[in-house]
């Protein structure tokens, strides 16, 4: 693997968990754009959004995407990274994009089970399942537009990794 692999999808789809496992399986580096951004800014995403608004955060998110893109890297992106036309095009042109797709009930269940992992402020102020449903409805087409591959992320992480590896192998064979 030389091109980076970008993992996209809604909050709770497993981008970080799958990304770490995929990087280990492929023998390459893993980076999470949200973690990189927070480490670099020395503040949480919630703090950045509070101080700079969503536009300020989104600009930082694009800068983070560009900064972490490197060969032989698995990149877990923030759920909203696909809102920017530039980001969707950048990922498609500079790597392989995998959409970790999962139904609303799976995403909401994961977010409710691990609420402390939701480092982001709420987007709508609504209950988790309602917010996830609305956000996914508005973003699913953008995830699909950006993706080279769509993988069922409702499966256990090892199975998701196996499915991504199989898709990448098929791409290399063709």
N, C-alpha and C. Protein backbone atom coordinates (compact mmCIF):
# COMPACT_ATOMS: atom_id res chain seq x y z
N UNK A 1 0.84 -1.19 0.00
CA UNK A 1 0.00 0.00 0.00
C UNK A 1 0.88 1.24 0.00
N UNK A 2 0.67 2.12 -0.94
CA UNK A 2 1.41 3.37 -0.93
C UNK A 2 0.48 4.57 -0.79
N UNK A 3 -0.63 4.58 -1.51
CA UNK A 3 -1.57 5.69 -1.36
C UNK A 3 -2.20 5.64 0.01
N UNK A 4 -2.50 6.80 0.60
CA UNK A 4 -3.21 6.76 1.89
C UNK A 4 -4.63 6.22 1.72
N UNK A 5 -5.15 5.65 2.79
CA UNK A 5 -6.54 5.21 2.82
C UNK A 5 -7.27 6.16 3.76
N UNK A 6 -8.31 6.81 3.27
CA UNK A 6 -9.11 7.72 4.06
C UNK A 6 -10.39 7.01 4.47
N UNK A 7 -10.65 6.95 5.77
CA UNK A 7 -11.89 6.36 6.28
C UNK A 7 -12.86 7.50 6.58
N UNK A 8 -14.03 7.44 5.97
CA UNK A 8 -15.05 8.46 6.19
C UNK A 8 -16.32 7.80 6.70
N UNK A 9 -17.17 8.59 7.32
CA UNK A 9 -18.44 8.08 7.81
C UNK A 9 -18.91 8.89 9.00
N UNK A 10 -20.12 8.59 9.43
CA UNK A 10 -20.73 9.31 10.54
C UNK A 10 -20.04 8.99 11.86
N UNK A 11 -20.24 9.88 12.81
CA UNK A 11 -19.73 9.65 14.16
C UNK A 11 -20.26 8.31 14.66
N UNK A 12 -19.38 7.48 15.22
CA UNK A 12 -19.80 6.19 15.75
C UNK A 12 -19.68 5.03 14.78
N UNK A 13 -19.24 5.29 13.54
CA UNK A 13 -19.16 4.20 12.56
C UNK A 13 -17.91 3.35 12.74
N UNK A 14 -16.94 3.81 13.56
CA UNK A 14 -15.76 3.00 13.84
C UNK A 14 -14.51 3.40 13.09
N UNK A 15 -14.46 4.64 12.61
CA UNK A 15 -13.29 5.06 11.82
C UNK A 15 -11.97 4.89 12.58
N UNK A 16 -11.96 5.28 13.84
CA UNK A 16 -10.72 5.17 14.62
C UNK A 16 -10.40 3.72 14.95
N UNK A 17 -11.38 2.98 15.44
CA UNK A 17 -11.17 1.58 15.80
C UNK A 17 -10.73 0.75 14.58
N UNK A 18 -11.47 0.88 13.49
CA UNK A 18 -11.15 0.15 12.26
C UNK A 18 -9.83 0.65 11.68
N UNK A 19 -9.63 1.95 11.72
CA UNK A 19 -8.40 2.53 11.18
C UNK A 19 -7.15 2.01 11.85
N UNK A 20 -7.19 1.93 13.18
CA UNK A 20 -6.04 1.41 13.92
C UNK A 20 -5.78 -0.05 13.56
N UNK A 21 -6.85 -0.85 13.49
CA UNK A 21 -6.71 -2.27 13.15
C UNK A 21 -6.24 -2.45 11.71
N UNK A 22 -6.76 -1.64 10.80
CA UNK A 22 -6.36 -1.73 9.39
C UNK A 22 -4.89 -1.34 9.22
N UNK A 23 -4.47 -0.28 9.89
CA UNK A 23 -3.07 0.16 9.81
C UNK A 23 -2.14 -0.94 10.32
N UNK A 24 -2.52 -1.55 11.42
CA UNK A 24 -1.70 -2.64 11.98
C UNK A 24 -1.64 -3.81 11.00
N UNK A 25 -2.79 -4.16 10.43
CA UNK A 25 -2.85 -5.29 9.49
C UNK A 25 -2.05 -5.00 8.21
N UNK A 26 -2.00 -3.75 7.79
CA UNK A 26 -1.30 -3.36 6.56
C UNK A 26 0.15 -2.98 6.83
N UNK A 27 0.53 -2.90 8.12
CA UNK A 27 1.90 -2.51 8.47
C UNK A 27 2.21 -1.08 8.11
N UNK A 28 1.25 -0.19 8.36
CA UNK A 28 1.48 1.22 8.06
C UNK A 28 1.05 2.10 9.23
N UNK A 29 1.18 3.39 9.05
CA UNK A 29 0.87 4.35 10.11
C UNK A 29 -0.63 4.65 10.16
N UNK A 30 -1.11 5.03 11.35
CA UNK A 30 -2.49 5.45 11.53
C UNK A 30 -2.50 6.88 12.06
N UNK A 31 -3.40 7.68 11.56
CA UNK A 31 -3.60 9.03 12.10
C UNK A 31 -5.08 9.37 12.06
N UNK A 32 -5.52 10.05 13.10
CA UNK A 32 -6.90 10.49 13.22
C UNK A 32 -6.88 12.01 13.08
N UNK A 33 -7.60 12.56 12.09
CA UNK A 33 -7.55 14.01 11.86
C UNK A 33 -8.04 14.80 13.08
N UNK A 34 -9.07 14.29 13.76
CA UNK A 34 -9.58 14.99 14.94
C UNK A 34 -8.52 15.03 16.05
N UNK A 35 -7.88 13.90 16.31
CA UNK A 35 -6.84 13.86 17.35
C UNK A 35 -5.66 14.76 16.98
N UNK A 36 -5.24 14.67 15.71
CA UNK A 36 -4.13 15.50 15.25
C UNK A 36 -4.46 16.98 15.42
N UNK A 37 -5.67 17.36 15.02
CA UNK A 37 -6.11 18.74 15.12
C UNK A 37 -6.12 19.21 16.57
N UNK A 38 -6.66 18.39 17.46
CA UNK A 38 -6.72 18.76 18.87
C UNK A 38 -5.32 18.86 19.49
N UNK A 39 -4.44 17.92 19.14
CA UNK A 39 -3.06 17.95 19.65
C UNK A 39 -2.34 19.20 19.16
N UNK A 40 -2.51 19.52 17.89
CA UNK A 40 -1.84 20.67 17.29
C UNK A 40 -2.39 21.99 17.86
N UNK A 41 -3.70 22.07 18.00
CA UNK A 41 -4.34 23.30 18.49
C UNK A 41 -4.26 23.42 20.02
N UNK A 42 -3.95 22.31 20.68
CA UNK A 42 -3.92 22.27 22.15
C UNK A 42 -5.27 22.69 22.74
N UNK A 43 -6.34 22.27 22.08
CA UNK A 43 -7.68 22.49 22.60
C UNK A 43 -8.63 21.45 22.00
N UNK A 44 -9.76 21.27 22.64
CA UNK A 44 -10.73 20.28 22.16
C UNK A 44 -11.50 20.84 20.96
N UNK A 45 -12.14 19.95 20.24
CA UNK A 45 -12.98 20.38 19.12
C UNK A 45 -14.09 21.28 19.64
N UNK A 46 -14.68 20.92 20.78
CA UNK A 46 -15.75 21.74 21.36
C UNK A 46 -15.24 23.15 21.64
N UNK A 47 -14.01 23.27 22.17
CA UNK A 47 -13.43 24.59 22.45
C UNK A 47 -13.20 25.38 21.16
N UNK A 48 -12.69 24.70 20.13
CA UNK A 48 -12.45 25.37 18.85
C UNK A 48 -13.77 25.89 18.28
N UNK A 49 -14.80 25.04 18.31
CA UNK A 49 -16.11 25.43 17.77
C UNK A 49 -16.67 26.60 18.58
N UNK A 50 -16.51 26.56 19.89
CA UNK A 50 -17.01 27.63 20.75
C UNK A 50 -16.32 28.96 20.43
N UNK A 51 -14.99 28.90 20.23
CA UNK A 51 -14.21 30.12 19.99
C UNK A 51 -14.27 30.61 18.55
N UNK A 52 -14.27 29.68 17.59
CA UNK A 52 -14.12 30.05 16.18
C UNK A 52 -15.35 29.73 15.34
N UNK A 53 -16.34 29.07 15.94
CA UNK A 53 -17.52 28.66 15.19
C UNK A 53 -17.21 27.44 14.33
N UNK A 54 -18.27 26.90 13.71
CA UNK A 54 -18.08 25.71 12.87
C UNK A 54 -17.22 26.02 11.65
N UNK A 55 -17.34 27.23 11.09
CA UNK A 55 -16.53 27.57 9.92
C UNK A 55 -15.05 27.55 10.26
N UNK A 56 -14.69 28.09 11.42
CA UNK A 56 -13.29 28.08 11.86
C UNK A 56 -12.79 26.67 12.07
N UNK A 57 -13.63 25.85 12.68
CA UNK A 57 -13.26 24.44 12.88
C UNK A 57 -13.08 23.74 11.54
N UNK A 58 -14.02 23.94 10.61
CA UNK A 58 -13.95 23.26 9.31
C UNK A 58 -12.68 23.67 8.55
N UNK A 59 -12.27 24.93 8.66
CA UNK A 59 -11.03 25.38 8.01
C UNK A 59 -9.83 24.65 8.62
N UNK A 60 -9.83 24.51 9.94
CA UNK A 60 -8.75 23.77 10.61
C UNK A 60 -8.78 22.30 10.21
N UNK A 61 -9.97 21.75 10.03
CA UNK A 61 -10.13 20.35 9.65
C UNK A 61 -9.51 20.10 8.27
N UNK A 62 -9.72 21.02 7.33
CA UNK A 62 -9.13 20.89 6.00
C UNK A 62 -7.61 20.96 6.09
N UNK A 63 -7.10 21.89 6.90
CA UNK A 63 -5.65 22.00 7.08
C UNK A 63 -5.08 20.72 7.68
N UNK A 64 -5.81 20.13 8.62
CA UNK A 64 -5.36 18.87 9.25
C UNK A 64 -5.32 17.76 8.21
N UNK A 65 -6.36 17.67 7.37
CA UNK A 65 -6.42 16.64 6.32
C UNK A 65 -5.20 16.75 5.41
N UNK A 66 -4.90 17.95 4.98
CA UNK A 66 -3.74 18.15 4.10
C UNK A 66 -2.43 17.80 4.80
N UNK A 67 -2.34 18.17 6.08
CA UNK A 67 -1.09 17.95 6.82
C UNK A 67 -0.80 16.48 7.08
N UNK A 68 -1.83 15.67 7.30
CA UNK A 68 -1.60 14.26 7.65
C UNK A 68 -1.57 13.32 6.45
N UNK A 69 -1.92 13.82 5.27
CA UNK A 69 -1.95 12.97 4.09
C UNK A 69 -0.53 12.62 3.66
N UNK A 70 -0.24 11.32 3.71
CA UNK A 70 1.10 10.83 3.35
C UNK A 70 0.96 9.39 2.86
N UNK A 71 1.94 8.92 2.07
CA UNK A 71 1.90 7.53 1.61
C UNK A 71 1.87 6.55 2.79
N UNK A 72 1.30 5.39 2.54
CA UNK A 72 1.25 4.30 3.52
C UNK A 72 0.68 4.74 4.86
N UNK A 73 -0.43 5.46 4.79
CA UNK A 73 -1.07 5.98 5.99
C UNK A 73 -2.56 5.65 5.94
N UNK A 74 -3.11 5.25 7.09
CA UNK A 74 -4.56 5.11 7.21
C UNK A 74 -5.02 6.34 7.99
N UNK A 75 -5.96 7.08 7.40
CA UNK A 75 -6.42 8.34 7.99
C UNK A 75 -7.89 8.23 8.36
N UNK A 76 -8.18 8.33 9.66
CA UNK A 76 -9.56 8.41 10.13
C UNK A 76 -9.94 9.88 10.13
N UNK A 77 -11.02 10.22 9.45
CA UNK A 77 -11.43 11.62 9.33
C UNK A 77 -12.59 11.93 10.25
N UNK A 78 -12.83 13.22 10.47
CA UNK A 78 -14.00 13.64 11.21
C UNK A 78 -15.24 13.41 10.37
N UNK A 79 -16.37 13.17 11.01
CA UNK A 79 -17.60 12.85 10.30
C UNK A 79 -18.06 13.89 9.30
N UNK A 80 -17.74 15.16 9.55
CA UNK A 80 -18.20 16.22 8.68
C UNK A 80 -17.19 16.67 7.63
N UNK A 81 -16.08 15.96 7.54
CA UNK A 81 -15.02 16.38 6.61
C UNK A 81 -15.53 16.43 5.16
N UNK A 82 -16.54 15.62 4.86
CA UNK A 82 -17.06 15.53 3.51
C UNK A 82 -17.99 16.69 3.15
N UNK A 83 -18.27 17.58 4.10
CA UNK A 83 -19.12 18.72 3.82
C UNK A 83 -18.46 19.69 2.84
N UNK A 84 -17.15 19.65 2.76
CA UNK A 84 -16.39 20.51 1.85
C UNK A 84 -16.14 19.79 0.52
N UNK A 85 -16.54 20.44 -0.58
CA UNK A 85 -16.25 19.90 -1.91
C UNK A 85 -14.75 19.66 -2.06
N UNK A 86 -13.97 20.62 -1.58
CA UNK A 86 -12.51 20.52 -1.68
C UNK A 86 -12.01 19.25 -0.99
N UNK A 87 -12.49 18.98 0.24
CA UNK A 87 -12.04 17.80 0.98
C UNK A 87 -12.41 16.51 0.26
N UNK A 88 -13.63 16.44 -0.27
CA UNK A 88 -14.06 15.22 -0.98
C UNK A 88 -13.15 14.97 -2.18
N UNK A 89 -12.90 16.02 -2.95
CA UNK A 89 -12.05 15.91 -4.13
C UNK A 89 -10.61 15.58 -3.73
N UNK A 90 -10.11 16.26 -2.70
CA UNK A 90 -8.73 16.04 -2.23
C UNK A 90 -8.51 14.57 -1.86
N UNK A 91 -9.43 14.00 -1.09
CA UNK A 91 -9.28 12.60 -0.66
C UNK A 91 -9.34 11.65 -1.86
N UNK A 92 -10.30 11.86 -2.76
CA UNK A 92 -10.43 10.98 -3.93
C UNK A 92 -9.19 11.04 -4.81
N UNK A 93 -8.60 12.23 -4.96
CA UNK A 93 -7.45 12.39 -5.85
C UNK A 93 -6.13 11.97 -5.21
N UNK A 94 -6.08 11.92 -3.88
CA UNK A 94 -4.81 11.66 -3.19
C UNK A 94 -4.76 10.35 -2.43
N UNK A 95 -5.79 9.52 -2.58
CA UNK A 95 -5.79 8.25 -1.87
C UNK A 95 -7.00 7.42 -2.23
N UNK A 96 -7.26 6.43 -1.40
CA UNK A 96 -8.42 5.57 -1.55
C UNK A 96 -9.38 5.90 -0.42
N UNK A 97 -10.62 6.17 -0.75
CA UNK A 97 -11.61 6.60 0.24
C UNK A 97 -12.59 5.45 0.51
N UNK A 98 -12.73 5.09 1.79
CA UNK A 98 -13.62 4.02 2.21
C UNK A 98 -14.69 4.60 3.14
N UNK A 99 -15.94 4.45 2.75
CA UNK A 99 -17.07 4.90 3.56
C UNK A 99 -17.50 3.76 4.47
N UNK A 100 -17.35 3.97 5.78
CA UNK A 100 -17.81 2.99 6.76
C UNK A 100 -19.28 3.32 7.05
N UNK A 101 -20.14 2.58 6.41
CA UNK A 101 -21.58 2.84 6.43
C UNK A 101 -22.26 1.94 7.46
N UNK A 102 -23.08 2.55 8.32
CA UNK A 102 -23.83 1.78 9.31
C UNK A 102 -25.19 2.42 9.50
N UNK A 103 -26.21 1.62 9.83
CA UNK A 103 -27.55 2.18 10.03
C UNK A 103 -27.62 3.04 11.31
N UNK A 104 -28.60 3.92 11.33
CA UNK A 104 -28.78 4.86 12.44
C UNK A 104 -28.81 4.16 13.80
N UNK A 105 -29.54 3.03 13.90
CA UNK A 105 -29.65 2.37 15.21
C UNK A 105 -28.29 1.87 15.71
N UNK A 106 -27.43 1.43 14.82
CA UNK A 106 -26.08 0.98 15.21
C UNK A 106 -25.25 2.17 15.66
N UNK A 107 -25.27 3.23 14.88
CA UNK A 107 -24.49 4.43 15.22
C UNK A 107 -24.95 5.02 16.56
N UNK A 108 -26.26 5.16 16.72
CA UNK A 108 -26.79 5.74 17.96
C UNK A 108 -26.46 4.85 19.16
N UNK A 109 -26.57 3.53 18.97
CA UNK A 109 -26.25 2.60 20.06
C UNK A 109 -24.80 2.72 20.49
N UNK A 110 -23.90 2.86 19.54
CA UNK A 110 -22.47 3.01 19.87
C UNK A 110 -22.22 4.33 20.59
N UNK A 111 -22.83 5.41 20.11
CA UNK A 111 -22.61 6.72 20.73
C UNK A 111 -23.20 6.76 22.14
N UNK A 112 -24.33 6.09 22.34
CA UNK A 112 -24.93 6.04 23.67
C UNK A 112 -24.10 5.17 24.61
N UNK A 113 -23.49 4.12 24.08
CA UNK A 113 -22.67 3.21 24.90
C UNK A 113 -21.35 3.86 25.32
N UNK A 114 -20.82 4.76 24.48
CA UNK A 114 -19.54 5.40 24.77
C UNK A 114 -19.66 6.92 24.64
N UNK A 115 -20.48 7.54 25.50
CA UNK A 115 -20.74 8.98 25.33
C UNK A 115 -19.49 9.85 25.49
N UNK A 116 -18.53 9.41 26.29
CA UNK A 116 -17.32 10.22 26.50
C UNK A 116 -16.46 10.30 25.24
N UNK A 117 -16.69 9.40 24.30
CA UNK A 117 -15.91 9.43 23.07
C UNK A 117 -16.45 10.47 22.09
N UNK A 118 -17.62 11.01 22.38
CA UNK A 118 -18.17 12.05 21.52
C UNK A 118 -17.57 13.39 21.90
N UNK A 119 -16.37 13.65 21.40
CA UNK A 119 -15.64 14.87 21.76
C UNK A 119 -16.26 16.10 21.11
N UNK A 120 -17.18 15.88 20.22
CA UNK A 120 -17.74 16.98 19.46
C UNK A 120 -19.01 17.50 20.11
N UNK A 121 -19.23 18.79 19.99
CA UNK A 121 -20.51 19.33 20.47
C UNK A 121 -21.64 18.81 19.59
N UNK A 122 -22.82 18.77 20.15
CA UNK A 122 -23.98 18.32 19.38
C UNK A 122 -24.19 19.24 18.18
N UNK A 123 -24.64 18.66 17.09
CA UNK A 123 -24.88 19.46 15.88
C UNK A 123 -26.29 20.04 15.87
N UNK A 124 -27.22 19.36 16.56
CA UNK A 124 -28.62 19.79 16.50
C UNK A 124 -29.23 20.05 17.87
N UNK A 125 -28.58 19.59 18.94
CA UNK A 125 -29.14 19.73 20.28
C UNK A 125 -30.23 18.71 20.57
N UNK A 126 -30.44 17.77 19.67
CA UNK A 126 -31.50 16.77 19.82
C UNK A 126 -30.94 15.49 20.43
N UNK A 127 -31.82 14.57 20.87
CA UNK A 127 -31.36 13.27 21.37
C UNK A 127 -30.50 12.57 20.32
N UNK A 128 -29.59 11.71 20.78
CA UNK A 128 -28.60 11.09 19.90
C UNK A 128 -29.22 10.42 18.67
N UNK A 129 -30.22 9.56 18.88
CA UNK A 129 -30.76 8.82 17.72
C UNK A 129 -31.39 9.77 16.70
N UNK A 130 -32.04 10.83 17.18
CA UNK A 130 -32.64 11.80 16.28
C UNK A 130 -31.56 12.58 15.52
N UNK A 131 -30.52 13.01 16.25
CA UNK A 131 -29.44 13.75 15.62
C UNK A 131 -28.72 12.89 14.57
N UNK A 132 -28.40 11.64 14.95
CA UNK A 132 -27.71 10.74 14.02
C UNK A 132 -28.55 10.54 12.77
N UNK A 133 -29.84 10.36 12.93
CA UNK A 133 -30.73 10.15 11.80
C UNK A 133 -30.72 11.36 10.86
N UNK A 134 -30.83 12.56 11.43
CA UNK A 134 -30.83 13.79 10.62
C UNK A 134 -29.49 14.00 9.92
N UNK A 135 -28.41 13.85 10.67
CA UNK A 135 -27.07 14.09 10.12
C UNK A 135 -26.77 13.08 9.01
N UNK A 136 -27.08 11.81 9.26
CA UNK A 136 -26.82 10.79 8.24
C UNK A 136 -27.66 11.04 6.99
N UNK A 137 -28.91 11.42 7.17
CA UNK A 137 -29.77 11.71 6.02
C UNK A 137 -29.19 12.84 5.17
N UNK A 138 -28.60 13.84 5.81
CA UNK A 138 -28.06 14.97 5.05
C UNK A 138 -26.68 14.69 4.47
N UNK A 139 -25.95 13.70 5.02
CA UNK A 139 -24.57 13.47 4.60
C UNK A 139 -24.34 12.20 3.79
N UNK A 140 -25.25 11.25 3.82
CA UNK A 140 -25.01 9.95 3.18
C UNK A 140 -24.61 10.10 1.71
N UNK A 141 -25.30 10.95 0.97
CA UNK A 141 -24.97 11.13 -0.46
C UNK A 141 -23.56 11.69 -0.63
N UNK A 142 -23.13 12.56 0.29
CA UNK A 142 -21.78 13.13 0.21
C UNK A 142 -20.72 12.06 0.52
N UNK A 143 -21.00 11.21 1.52
CA UNK A 143 -20.08 10.11 1.82
C UNK A 143 -19.93 9.21 0.59
N UNK A 144 -21.06 8.90 -0.03
CA UNK A 144 -21.05 8.00 -1.20
C UNK A 144 -20.33 8.65 -2.38
N UNK A 145 -20.52 9.95 -2.55
CA UNK A 145 -19.86 10.68 -3.64
C UNK A 145 -18.34 10.65 -3.46
N UNK A 146 -17.88 10.77 -2.22
CA UNK A 146 -16.44 10.81 -1.95
C UNK A 146 -15.79 9.43 -2.01
N UNK A 147 -16.56 8.38 -1.74
CA UNK A 147 -16.00 7.05 -1.54
C UNK A 147 -15.66 6.30 -2.81
N UNK A 148 -14.54 5.59 -2.76
CA UNK A 148 -14.23 4.60 -3.78
C UNK A 148 -14.92 3.28 -3.42
N UNK A 149 -15.03 3.01 -2.11
CA UNK A 149 -15.65 1.77 -1.61
C UNK A 149 -16.59 2.10 -0.45
N UNK A 150 -17.69 1.36 -0.36
CA UNK A 150 -18.62 1.46 0.76
C UNK A 150 -18.60 0.11 1.46
N UNK A 151 -18.34 0.15 2.77
CA UNK A 151 -18.21 -1.08 3.56
C UNK A 151 -19.24 -1.05 4.69
N UNK A 152 -19.82 -2.20 4.98
CA UNK A 152 -20.80 -2.33 6.07
C UNK A 152 -20.08 -2.26 7.41
N UNK A 153 -20.20 -1.13 8.08
CA UNK A 153 -19.51 -0.92 9.36
C UNK A 153 -20.31 -1.40 10.56
N UNK A 154 -21.45 -2.04 10.32
CA UNK A 154 -22.23 -2.58 11.43
C UNK A 154 -21.63 -3.91 11.91
N UNK A 155 -20.70 -4.45 11.15
CA UNK A 155 -20.03 -5.71 11.49
C UNK A 155 -18.96 -5.47 12.55
N UNK A 156 -18.47 -6.54 13.17
CA UNK A 156 -17.34 -6.39 14.11
C UNK A 156 -16.12 -5.81 13.39
N UNK A 157 -15.28 -5.04 14.08
CA UNK A 157 -14.13 -4.38 13.46
C UNK A 157 -13.25 -5.31 12.61
N UNK A 158 -12.98 -6.52 13.08
CA UNK A 158 -12.12 -7.45 12.32
C UNK A 158 -12.73 -7.78 10.97
N UNK A 159 -14.05 -7.92 10.94
CA UNK A 159 -14.75 -8.22 9.69
C UNK A 159 -14.71 -7.02 8.74
N UNK A 160 -14.85 -5.80 9.31
CA UNK A 160 -14.80 -4.59 8.50
C UNK A 160 -13.40 -4.47 7.88
N UNK A 161 -12.36 -4.72 8.67
CA UNK A 161 -10.99 -4.67 8.17
C UNK A 161 -10.80 -5.68 7.04
N UNK A 162 -11.31 -6.91 7.23
CA UNK A 162 -11.19 -7.95 6.20
C UNK A 162 -11.88 -7.51 4.91
N UNK A 163 -13.04 -6.87 5.04
CA UNK A 163 -13.78 -6.41 3.86
C UNK A 163 -13.00 -5.30 3.13
N UNK A 164 -12.40 -4.39 3.88
CA UNK A 164 -11.60 -3.31 3.27
C UNK A 164 -10.39 -3.92 2.57
N UNK A 165 -9.71 -4.84 3.24
CA UNK A 165 -8.52 -5.47 2.64
C UNK A 165 -8.90 -6.20 1.35
N UNK A 166 -10.05 -6.88 1.34
CA UNK A 166 -10.50 -7.59 0.14
C UNK A 166 -10.78 -6.59 -0.99
N UNK A 167 -11.41 -5.47 -0.67
CA UNK A 167 -11.70 -4.46 -1.69
C UNK A 167 -10.39 -3.89 -2.25
N UNK A 168 -9.41 -3.65 -1.39
CA UNK A 168 -8.12 -3.11 -1.83
C UNK A 168 -7.38 -4.11 -2.69
N UNK A 169 -7.47 -5.40 -2.33
CA UNK A 169 -6.81 -6.45 -3.12
C UNK A 169 -7.43 -6.53 -4.52
N UNK A 170 -8.75 -6.44 -4.57
CA UNK A 170 -9.44 -6.48 -5.86
C UNK A 170 -9.01 -5.30 -6.72
N UNK A 171 -8.85 -4.14 -6.09
CA UNK A 171 -8.43 -2.95 -6.83
C UNK A 171 -7.04 -3.13 -7.39
N UNK A 172 -6.17 -3.77 -6.61
CA UNK A 172 -4.78 -4.00 -7.07
C UNK A 172 -4.74 -5.03 -8.20
N UNK A 173 -5.65 -5.99 -8.17
CA UNK A 173 -5.66 -7.08 -9.17
C UNK A 173 -6.21 -6.58 -10.51
N UNK A 174 -7.06 -5.57 -10.47
CA UNK A 174 -7.70 -5.15 -11.72
C UNK A 174 -6.89 -4.14 -12.50
